[in-house]
Full PDB file with SEQRES, HELIX, SHEET, SSBOND, CRYST1, ORIGX, SCALE, CONECT and MASTER records, all heavy atoms in Angstrom:
SEQRES   1 A   35  SER GLY ARG PHE VAL LEU PRO ASP VAL PRO PRO GLY ARG          
SEQRES   2 A   35  GLN VAL ILE ARG VAL LYS GLY PRO GLY TYR ARG LEU ALA          
SEQRES   3 A   35  GLU ARG VAL VAL GLU VAL THR ALA GLY                          
SHEET    1 AA1 2 GLY A  12  VAL A  18  0                                        
SHEET    2 AA1 2 ALA A  26  VAL A  32 -1                                        
CRYST1    1.000    1.000    1.000  90.00  90.00  90.00 P 1           1          
ORIGX1      1.000000  0.000000  0.000000        0.00000                         
ORIGX2      0.000000  1.000000  0.000000        0.00000                         
ORIGX3      0.000000  0.000000  1.000000        0.00000                         
SCALE1      1.000000  0.000000  0.000000        0.00000                         
SCALE2      0.000000  1.000000  0.000000        0.00000                         
SCALE3      0.000000  0.000000  1.000000        0.00000                         
ATOM      1  N   SER A   1       7.085 -14.142  -1.805  1.00  0.00           N  
ATOM      2  CA  SER A   1       8.065 -13.367  -1.043  1.00  0.00           C  
ATOM      3  C   SER A   1       7.427 -12.180  -0.336  1.00  0.00           C  
ATOM      4  O   SER A   1       8.129 -11.365   0.270  1.00  0.00           O  
ATOM      5  CB  SER A   1       9.164 -12.849  -1.976  1.00  0.00           C  
ATOM      6  OG  SER A   1       9.835 -13.927  -2.580  1.00  0.00           O  
ATOM      7  N   GLY A   2       6.100 -12.048  -0.450  1.00  0.00           N  
ATOM      8  CA  GLY A   2       5.409 -10.919   0.170  1.00  0.00           C  
ATOM      9  C   GLY A   2       5.507  -9.642  -0.636  1.00  0.00           C  
ATOM     10  O   GLY A   2       5.098  -8.581  -0.196  1.00  0.00           O  
ATOM     11  N   ARG A   3       6.005  -9.739  -1.850  1.00  0.00           N  
ATOM     12  CA  ARG A   3       6.170  -8.559  -2.704  1.00  0.00           C  
ATOM     13  C   ARG A   3       4.933  -8.335  -3.567  1.00  0.00           C  
ATOM     14  O   ARG A   3       4.221  -9.273  -3.898  1.00  0.00           O  
ATOM     15  CB  ARG A   3       7.387  -8.721  -3.604  1.00  0.00           C  
ATOM     16  CG  ARG A   3       8.666  -8.781  -2.827  1.00  0.00           C  
ATOM     17  CD  ARG A   3       9.835  -9.081  -3.748  1.00  0.00           C  
ATOM     18  NE  ARG A   3      11.012  -9.374  -2.975  1.00  0.00           N  
ATOM     19  CZ  ARG A   3      12.048  -8.560  -2.882  1.00  0.00           C  
ATOM     20  NH1 ARG A   3      12.063  -7.418  -3.542  1.00  0.00           N  
ATOM     21  NH2 ARG A   3      13.086  -8.889  -2.149  1.00  0.00           N  
ATOM     22  N   PHE A   4       4.747  -7.077  -3.932  1.00  0.00           N  
ATOM     23  CA  PHE A   4       3.616  -6.707  -4.775  1.00  0.00           C  
ATOM     24  C   PHE A   4       3.971  -5.457  -5.553  1.00  0.00           C  
ATOM     25  O   PHE A   4       4.920  -4.751  -5.207  1.00  0.00           O  
ATOM     26  CB  PHE A   4       2.351  -6.462  -3.936  1.00  0.00           C  
ATOM     27  CG  PHE A   4       2.503  -5.330  -2.961  1.00  0.00           C  
ATOM     28  CD1 PHE A   4       2.107  -4.047  -3.297  1.00  0.00           C  
ATOM     29  CD2 PHE A   4       3.059  -5.546  -1.717  1.00  0.00           C  
ATOM     30  CE1 PHE A   4       2.259  -2.996  -2.403  1.00  0.00           C  
ATOM     31  CE2 PHE A   4       3.202  -4.508  -0.813  1.00  0.00           C  
ATOM     32  CZ  PHE A   4       2.808  -3.224  -1.155  1.00  0.00           C  
ATOM     33  N   VAL A   5       3.203  -5.185  -6.597  1.00  0.00           N  
ATOM     34  CA  VAL A   5       3.389  -3.977  -7.400  1.00  0.00           C  
ATOM     35  C   VAL A   5       2.047  -3.291  -7.527  1.00  0.00           C  
ATOM     36  O   VAL A   5       1.038  -3.913  -7.851  1.00  0.00           O  
ATOM     37  CB  VAL A   5       3.938  -4.320  -8.810  1.00  0.00           C  
ATOM     38  CG1 VAL A   5       4.006  -3.076  -9.676  1.00  0.00           C  
ATOM     39  CG2 VAL A   5       5.295  -4.993  -8.706  1.00  0.00           C  
ATOM     40  N   LEU A   6       2.042  -1.993  -7.256  1.00  0.00           N  
ATOM     41  CA  LEU A   6       0.864  -1.145  -7.457  1.00  0.00           C  
ATOM     42  C   LEU A   6       1.292  -0.021  -8.393  1.00  0.00           C  
ATOM     43  O   LEU A   6       1.795   1.007  -7.954  1.00  0.00           O  
ATOM     44  CB  LEU A   6       0.372  -0.560  -6.126  1.00  0.00           C  
ATOM     45  CG  LEU A   6      -0.301  -1.517  -5.168  1.00  0.00           C  
ATOM     46  CD1 LEU A   6      -0.466  -0.881  -3.797  1.00  0.00           C  
ATOM     47  CD2 LEU A   6      -1.655  -1.938  -5.702  1.00  0.00           C  
ATOM     48  N   PRO A   7       1.129  -0.205  -9.708  1.00  0.00           N  
ATOM     49  CA  PRO A   7       1.576   0.824 -10.643  1.00  0.00           C  
ATOM     50  C   PRO A   7       0.660   2.044 -10.653  1.00  0.00           C  
ATOM     51  O   PRO A   7      -0.521   1.951 -10.335  1.00  0.00           O  
ATOM     52  CB  PRO A   7       1.540   0.104 -11.992  1.00  0.00           C  
ATOM     53  CG  PRO A   7       0.541  -0.979 -11.829  1.00  0.00           C  
ATOM     54  CD  PRO A   7       0.580  -1.375 -10.375  1.00  0.00           C  
ATOM     55  N   ASP A   8       1.252   3.168 -11.012  1.00  0.00           N  
ATOM     56  CA  ASP A   8       0.512   4.421 -11.234  1.00  0.00           C  
ATOM     57  C   ASP A   8      -0.289   4.883 -10.026  1.00  0.00           C  
ATOM     58  O   ASP A   8      -1.402   5.396 -10.165  1.00  0.00           O  
ATOM     59  CB  ASP A   8      -0.408   4.283 -12.454  1.00  0.00           C  
ATOM     60  CG  ASP A   8       0.362   3.922 -13.713  1.00  0.00           C  
ATOM     61  OD1 ASP A   8       1.475   4.462 -13.893  1.00  0.00           O  
ATOM     62  OD2 ASP A   8      -0.129   3.097 -14.497  1.00  0.00           O  
ATOM     63  N   VAL A   9       0.279   4.740  -8.835  1.00  0.00           N  
ATOM     64  CA  VAL A   9      -0.372   5.277  -7.636  1.00  0.00           C  
ATOM     65  C   VAL A   9      -0.216   6.795  -7.673  1.00  0.00           C  
ATOM     66  O   VAL A   9       0.887   7.301  -7.898  1.00  0.00           O  
ATOM     67  CB  VAL A   9       0.262   4.695  -6.347  1.00  0.00           C  
ATOM     68  CG1 VAL A   9      -0.328   5.343  -5.110  1.00  0.00           C  
ATOM     69  CG2 VAL A   9       0.075   3.180  -6.314  1.00  0.00           C  
ATOM     70  N   PRO A  10      -1.307   7.526  -7.463  1.00  0.00           N  
ATOM     71  CA  PRO A  10      -1.210   8.984  -7.512  1.00  0.00           C  
ATOM     72  C   PRO A  10      -0.245   9.523  -6.456  1.00  0.00           C  
ATOM     73  O   PRO A  10      -0.223   9.028  -5.327  1.00  0.00           O  
ATOM     74  CB  PRO A  10      -2.643   9.449  -7.208  1.00  0.00           C  
ATOM     75  CG  PRO A  10      -3.511   8.270  -7.511  1.00  0.00           C  
ATOM     76  CD  PRO A  10      -2.671   7.066  -7.223  1.00  0.00           C  
ATOM     77  N   PRO A  11       0.583  10.518  -6.839  1.00  0.00           N  
ATOM     78  CA  PRO A  11       1.496  11.120  -5.859  1.00  0.00           C  
ATOM     79  C   PRO A  11       0.715  11.757  -4.718  1.00  0.00           C  
ATOM     80  O   PRO A  11      -0.441  12.149  -4.866  1.00  0.00           O  
ATOM     81  CB  PRO A  11       2.230  12.193  -6.665  1.00  0.00           C  
ATOM     82  CG  PRO A  11       2.034  11.823  -8.096  1.00  0.00           C  
ATOM     83  CD  PRO A  11       0.726  11.105  -8.163  1.00  0.00           C  
ATOM     84  N   GLY A  12       1.370  11.851  -3.573  1.00  0.00           N  
ATOM     85  CA  GLY A  12       0.760  12.464  -2.396  1.00  0.00           C  
ATOM     86  C   GLY A  12       0.559  11.446  -1.288  1.00  0.00           C  
ATOM     87  O   GLY A  12       1.019  10.311  -1.356  1.00  0.00           O  
ATOM     88  N   ARG A  13      -0.148  11.860  -0.279  1.00  0.00           N  
ATOM     89  CA  ARG A  13      -0.410  11.009   0.891  1.00  0.00           C  
ATOM     90  C   ARG A  13      -1.482   9.979   0.539  1.00  0.00           C  
ATOM     91  O   ARG A  13      -2.575  10.349   0.112  1.00  0.00           O  
ATOM     92  CB  ARG A  13      -0.868  11.906   2.034  1.00  0.00           C  
ATOM     93  CG  ARG A  13      -0.823  11.288   3.367  1.00  0.00           C  
ATOM     94  CD  ARG A  13      -1.180  12.369   4.407  1.00  0.00           C  
ATOM     95  NE  ARG A  13      -1.026  11.832   5.709  1.00  0.00           N  
ATOM     96  CZ  ARG A  13      -0.019  12.104   6.519  1.00  0.00           C  
ATOM     97  NH1 ARG A  13       0.905  12.962   6.134  1.00  0.00           N  
ATOM     98  NH2 ARG A  13       0.055  11.544   7.690  1.00  0.00           N  
ATOM     99  N   GLN A  14      -1.150   8.698   0.708  1.00  0.00           N  
ATOM    100  CA  GLN A  14      -2.067   7.609   0.364  1.00  0.00           C  
ATOM    101  C   GLN A  14      -2.197   6.646   1.539  1.00  0.00           C  
ATOM    102  O   GLN A  14      -1.250   6.443   2.291  1.00  0.00           O  
ATOM    103  CB  GLN A  14      -1.563   6.831  -0.855  1.00  0.00           C  
ATOM    104  CG  GLN A  14      -1.382   7.653  -2.099  1.00  0.00           C  
ATOM    105  CD  GLN A  14      -2.687   8.153  -2.678  1.00  0.00           C  
ATOM    106  OE1 GLN A  14      -3.756   7.647  -2.398  1.00  0.00           O  
ATOM    107  NE2 GLN A  14      -2.599   9.186  -3.501  1.00  0.00           N  
ATOM    108  N   VAL A  15      -3.375   6.060   1.667  1.00  0.00           N  
ATOM    109  CA  VAL A  15      -3.607   5.023   2.673  1.00  0.00           C  
ATOM    110  C   VAL A  15      -3.528   3.676   1.964  1.00  0.00           C  
ATOM    111  O   VAL A  15      -4.267   3.425   1.011  1.00  0.00           O  
ATOM    112  CB  VAL A  15      -4.981   5.188   3.358  1.00  0.00           C  
ATOM    113  CG1 VAL A  15      -5.237   4.045   4.327  1.00  0.00           C  
ATOM    114  CG2 VAL A  15      -5.055   6.526   4.082  1.00  0.00           C  
ATOM    115  N   ILE A  16      -2.608   2.835   2.419  1.00  0.00           N  
ATOM    116  CA  ILE A  16      -2.440   1.496   1.868  1.00  0.00           C  
ATOM    117  C   ILE A  16      -3.073   0.510   2.847  1.00  0.00           C  
ATOM    118  O   ILE A  16      -2.773   0.534   4.044  1.00  0.00           O  
ATOM    119  CB  ILE A  16      -0.943   1.149   1.686  1.00  0.00           C  
ATOM    120  CG1 ILE A  16      -0.230   2.217   0.855  1.00  0.00           C  
ATOM    121  CG2 ILE A  16      -0.782  -0.238   1.086  1.00  0.00           C  
ATOM    122  CD1 ILE A  16      -0.753   2.384  -0.547  1.00  0.00           C  
ATOM    123  N   ARG A  17      -3.948  -0.342   2.344  1.00  0.00           N  
ATOM    124  CA  ARG A  17      -4.620  -1.349   3.176  1.00  0.00           C  
ATOM    125  C   ARG A  17      -4.115  -2.732   2.778  1.00  0.00           C  
ATOM    126  O   ARG A  17      -4.024  -3.046   1.592  1.00  0.00           O  
ATOM    127  CB  ARG A  17      -6.129  -1.267   3.003  1.00  0.00           C  
ATOM    128  CG  ARG A  17      -6.690   0.018   3.555  1.00  0.00           C  
ATOM    129  CD  ARG A  17      -8.183   0.047   3.499  1.00  0.00           C  
ATOM    130  NE  ARG A  17      -8.653   1.287   4.111  1.00  0.00           N  
ATOM    131  CZ  ARG A  17      -9.692   1.977   3.698  1.00  0.00           C  
ATOM    132  NH1 ARG A  17     -10.410   1.546   2.674  1.00  0.00           N  
ATOM    133  NH2 ARG A  17     -10.035   3.089   4.310  1.00  0.00           N  
ATOM    134  N   VAL A  18      -3.815  -3.536   3.791  1.00  0.00           N  
ATOM    135  CA  VAL A  18      -3.295  -4.885   3.573  1.00  0.00           C  
ATOM    136  C   VAL A  18      -4.125  -5.866   4.397  1.00  0.00           C  
ATOM    137  O   VAL A  18      -4.327  -5.660   5.594  1.00  0.00           O  
ATOM    138  CB  VAL A  18      -1.816  -4.989   4.004  1.00  0.00           C  
ATOM    139  CG1 VAL A  18      -1.272  -6.383   3.722  1.00  0.00           C  
ATOM    140  CG2 VAL A  18      -0.974  -3.919   3.327  1.00  0.00           C  
ATOM    141  N   LYS A  19      -4.580  -6.937   3.732  1.00  0.00           N  
ATOM    142  CA  LYS A  19      -5.343  -7.980   4.421  1.00  0.00           C  
ATOM    143  C   LYS A  19      -4.816  -9.318   3.956  1.00  0.00           C  
ATOM    144  O   LYS A  19      -4.965  -9.690   2.796  1.00  0.00           O  
ATOM    145  CB  LYS A  19      -6.842  -7.853   4.112  1.00  0.00           C  
ATOM    146  CG  LYS A  19      -7.692  -8.953   4.723  1.00  0.00           C  
ATOM    147  CD  LYS A  19      -7.758  -8.846   6.238  1.00  0.00           C  
ATOM    148  CE  LYS A  19      -8.771  -9.788   6.841  1.00  0.00           C  
ATOM    149  NZ  LYS A  19      -8.248 -11.017   7.368  1.00  0.00           N  
ATOM    150  N   GLY A  20      -4.143 -10.020   4.866  1.00  0.00           N  
ATOM    151  CA  GLY A  20      -3.601 -11.334   4.549  1.00  0.00           C  
ATOM    152  C   GLY A  20      -4.513 -12.429   5.049  1.00  0.00           C  
ATOM    153  O   GLY A  20      -5.280 -12.226   6.000  1.00  0.00           O  
ATOM    154  N   PRO A  21      -4.444 -13.601   4.439  1.00  0.00           N  
ATOM    155  CA  PRO A  21      -5.269 -14.724   4.890  1.00  0.00           C  
ATOM    156  C   PRO A  21      -4.939 -15.072   6.344  1.00  0.00           C  
ATOM    157  O   PRO A  21      -3.790 -15.334   6.674  1.00  0.00           O  
ATOM    158  CB  PRO A  21      -4.903 -15.867   3.933  1.00  0.00           C  
ATOM    159  CG  PRO A  21      -3.725 -15.408   3.157  1.00  0.00           C  
ATOM    160  CD  PRO A  21      -3.552 -13.957   3.349  1.00  0.00           C  
ATOM    161  N   GLY A  22      -5.937 -15.003   7.200  1.00  0.00           N  
ATOM    162  CA  GLY A  22      -5.738 -15.296   8.616  1.00  0.00           C  
ATOM    163  C   GLY A  22      -5.233 -14.126   9.434  1.00  0.00           C  
ATOM    164  O   GLY A  22      -4.953 -14.276  10.621  1.00  0.00           O  
ATOM    165  N   TYR A  23      -5.100 -12.943   8.824  1.00  0.00           N  
ATOM    166  CA  TYR A  23      -4.612 -11.749   9.510  1.00  0.00           C  
ATOM    167  C   TYR A  23      -5.696 -10.673   9.498  1.00  0.00           C  
ATOM    168  O   TYR A  23      -6.558 -10.654   8.633  1.00  0.00           O  
ATOM    169  CB  TYR A  23      -3.366 -11.185   8.816  1.00  0.00           C  
ATOM    170  CG  TYR A  23      -2.167 -12.089   8.913  1.00  0.00           C  
ATOM    171  CD1 TYR A  23      -1.953 -13.084   7.967  1.00  0.00           C  
ATOM    172  CD2 TYR A  23      -1.256 -11.951   9.949  1.00  0.00           C  
ATOM    173  CE1 TYR A  23      -0.853 -13.917   8.048  1.00  0.00           C  
ATOM    174  CE2 TYR A  23      -0.154 -12.776  10.035  1.00  0.00           C  
ATOM    175  CZ  TYR A  23       0.043 -13.755   9.079  1.00  0.00           C  
ATOM    176  OH  TYR A  23       1.126 -14.580   9.163  1.00  0.00           O  
ATOM    177  N   ARG A  24      -5.590  -9.756  10.430  1.00  0.00           N  
ATOM    178  CA  ARG A  24      -6.535  -8.639  10.461  1.00  0.00           C  
ATOM    179  C   ARG A  24      -6.090  -7.555   9.469  1.00  0.00           C  
ATOM    180  O   ARG A  24      -4.929  -7.520   9.061  1.00  0.00           O  
ATOM    181  CB  ARG A  24      -6.671  -8.063  11.860  1.00  0.00           C  
ATOM    182  CG  ARG A  24      -5.409  -7.454  12.410  1.00  0.00           C  
ATOM    183  CD  ARG A  24      -5.621  -6.885  13.819  1.00  0.00           C  
ATOM    184  NE  ARG A  24      -4.371  -6.523  14.429  1.00  0.00           N  
ATOM    185  CZ  ARG A  24      -3.689  -5.417  14.167  1.00  0.00           C  
ATOM    186  NH1 ARG A  24      -4.142  -4.560  13.287  1.00  0.00           N  
ATOM    187  NH2 ARG A  24      -2.546  -5.171  14.771  1.00  0.00           N  
ATOM    188  N   LEU A  25      -7.003  -6.707   9.089  1.00  0.00           N  
ATOM    189  CA  LEU A  25      -6.714  -5.605   8.180  1.00  0.00           C  
ATOM    190  C   LEU A  25      -5.707  -4.655   8.824  1.00  0.00           C  
ATOM    191  O   LEU A  25      -5.830  -4.312  10.004  1.00  0.00           O  
ATOM    192  CB  LEU A  25      -7.998  -4.841   7.852  1.00  0.00           C  
ATOM    193  CG  LEU A  25      -7.854  -3.609   6.980  1.00  0.00           C  
ATOM    194  CD1 LEU A  25      -7.474  -4.005   5.564  1.00  0.00           C  
ATOM    195  CD2 LEU A  25      -9.126  -2.807   6.993  1.00  0.00           C  
ATOM    196  N   ALA A  26      -4.724  -4.237   8.057  1.00  0.00           N  
ATOM    197  CA  ALA A  26      -3.739  -3.261   8.518  1.00  0.00           C  
ATOM    198  C   ALA A  26      -3.725  -2.097   7.548  1.00  0.00           C  
ATOM    199  O   ALA A  26      -3.945  -2.279   6.346  1.00  0.00           O  
ATOM    200  CB  ALA A  26      -2.356  -3.893   8.599  1.00  0.00           C  
ATOM    201  N   GLU A  27      -3.489  -0.909   8.060  1.00  0.00           N  
ATOM    202  CA  GLU A  27      -3.398   0.289   7.219  1.00  0.00           C  
ATOM    203  C   GLU A  27      -2.106   1.026   7.511  1.00  0.00           C  
ATOM    204  O   GLU A  27      -1.672   1.088   8.657  1.00  0.00           O  
ATOM    205  CB  GLU A  27      -4.570   1.241   7.483  1.00  0.00           C  
ATOM    206  CG  GLU A  27      -5.894   0.735   7.005  1.00  0.00           C  
ATOM    207  CD  GLU A  27      -7.006   1.775   7.133  1.00  0.00           C  
ATOM    208  OE1 GLU A  27      -6.790   2.842   7.755  1.00  0.00           O  
ATOM    209  OE2 GLU A  27      -8.088   1.520   6.612  1.00  0.00           O  
ATOM    210  N   ARG A  28      -1.518   1.582   6.468  1.00  0.00           N  
ATOM    211  CA  ARG A  28      -0.337   2.415   6.592  1.00  0.00           C  
ATOM    212  C   ARG A  28      -0.531   3.635   5.715  1.00  0.00           C  
ATOM    213  O   ARG A  28      -1.020   3.526   4.594  1.00  0.00           O  
ATOM    214  CB  ARG A  28       0.932   1.679   6.133  1.00  0.00           C  
ATOM    215  CG  ARG A  28       1.306   0.479   6.967  1.00  0.00           C  
ATOM    216  CD  ARG A  28       1.755   0.890   8.366  1.00  0.00           C  
ATOM    217  NE  ARG A  28       2.144  -0.239   9.161  1.00  0.00           N  
ATOM    218  CZ  ARG A  28       1.325  -0.928   9.956  1.00  0.00           C  
ATOM    219  NH1 ARG A  28       0.051  -0.612  10.020  1.00  0.00           N  
ATOM    220  NH2 ARG A  28       1.773  -1.931  10.682  1.00  0.00           N  
ATOM    221  N   VAL A  29      -0.145   4.787   6.238  1.00  0.00           N  
ATOM    222  CA  VAL A  29      -0.178   6.019   5.451  1.00  0.00           C  
ATOM    223  C   VAL A  29       1.226   6.209   4.887  1.00  0.00           C  
ATOM    224  O   VAL A  29       2.218   6.133   5.621  1.00  0.00           O  
ATOM    225  CB  VAL A  29      -0.585   7.224   6.317  1.00  0.00           C  
ATOM    226  CG1 VAL A  29      -0.523   8.508   5.497  1.00  0.00           C  
ATOM    227  CG2 VAL A  29      -1.970   7.023   6.895  1.00  0.00           C  
ATOM    228  N   VAL A  30       1.309   6.396   3.573  1.00  0.00           N  
ATOM    229  CA  VAL A  30       2.595   6.597   2.911  1.00  0.00           C  
ATOM    230  C   VAL A  30       2.548   7.846   2.050  1.00  0.00           C  
ATOM    231  O   VAL A  30       1.495   8.231   1.540  1.00  0.00           O  
ATOM    232  CB  VAL A  30       3.001   5.377   2.051  1.00  0.00           C  
ATOM    233  CG1 VAL A  30       3.198   4.143   2.902  1.00  0.00           C  
ATOM    234  CG2 VAL A  30       1.994   5.109   0.969  1.00  0.00           C  
ATOM    235  N   GLU A  31       3.687   8.479   1.903  1.00  0.00           N  
ATOM    236  CA  GLU A  31       3.829   9.626   1.011  1.00  0.00           C  
ATOM    237  C   GLU A  31       4.401   9.096  -0.291  1.00  0.00           C  
ATOM    238  O   GLU A  31       5.512   8.560  -0.322  1.00  0.00           O  
ATOM    239  CB  GLU A  31       4.763  10.666   1.623  1.00  0.00           C  
ATOM    240  CG  GLU A  31       4.803  11.970   0.881  1.00  0.00           C  
ATOM    241  CD  GLU A  31       3.481  12.741   0.931  1.00  0.00           C  
ATOM    242  OE1 GLU A  31       2.782  12.699   1.960  1.00  0.00           O  
ATOM    243  OE2 GLU A  31       3.158  13.392  -0.083  1.00  0.00           O  
ATOM    244  N   VAL A  32       3.619   9.190  -1.360  1.00  0.00           N  
ATOM    245  CA  VAL A  32       4.016   8.652  -2.660  1.00  0.00           C  
ATOM    246  C   VAL A  32       4.634   9.768  -3.494  1.00  0.00           C  
ATOM    247  O   VAL A  32       4.058  10.844  -3.632  1.00  0.00           O  
ATOM    248  CB  VAL A  32       2.793   8.052  -3.401  1.00  0.00           C  
ATOM    249  CG1 VAL A  32       3.193   7.574  -4.788  1.00  0.00           C  
ATOM    250  CG2 VAL A  32       2.185   6.929  -2.578  1.00  0.00           C  
ATOM    251  N   THR A  33       5.813   9.461  -4.042  1.00  0.00           N  
ATOM    252  CA  THR A  33       6.497  10.373  -4.949  1.00  0.00           C  
ATOM    253  C   THR A  33       6.512   9.725  -6.323  1.00  0.00           C  
ATOM    254  O   THR A  33       6.821   8.535  -6.448  1.00  0.00           O  
ATOM    255  CB  THR A  33       7.941  10.620  -4.468  1.00  0.00           C  
ATOM    256  OG1 THR A  33       7.905  11.114  -3.128  1.00  0.00           O  
ATOM    257  CG2 THR A  33       8.656  11.607  -5.353  1.00  0.00           C  
ATOM    258  N   ALA A  34       6.181  10.493  -7.356  1.00  0.00           N  
ATOM    259  CA  ALA A  34       6.139   9.962  -8.721  1.00  0.00           C  
ATOM    260  C   ALA A  34       7.457   9.289  -9.075  1.00  0.00           C  
ATOM    261  O   ALA A  34       8.529   9.830  -8.815  1.00  0.00           O  
ATOM    262  CB  ALA A  34       5.832  11.073  -9.708  1.00  0.00           C  
ATOM    263  N   GLY A  35       7.375   8.061  -9.614  1.00  0.00           N  
ATOM    264  CA  GLY A  35       8.553   7.335 -10.055  1.00  0.00           C  
ATOM    265  C   GLY A  35       9.344   6.675  -8.944  1.00  0.00           C  
ATOM    266  O   GLY A  35      10.384   6.081  -9.187  1.00  0.00           O  
TER     267      GLY A  35                                                      
MASTER        0    0    0    0    2    0    0    6  266    1    0    3          
END                                                                             
């Protein structure tokens, strides 16, 4: 379903990188809040 879990990501601004089979690398900056 395209879902994933990344537990215990440190709070704050994080760069998330995604690379799918046959796709180019994509990056998104997200603001992580605890919980």
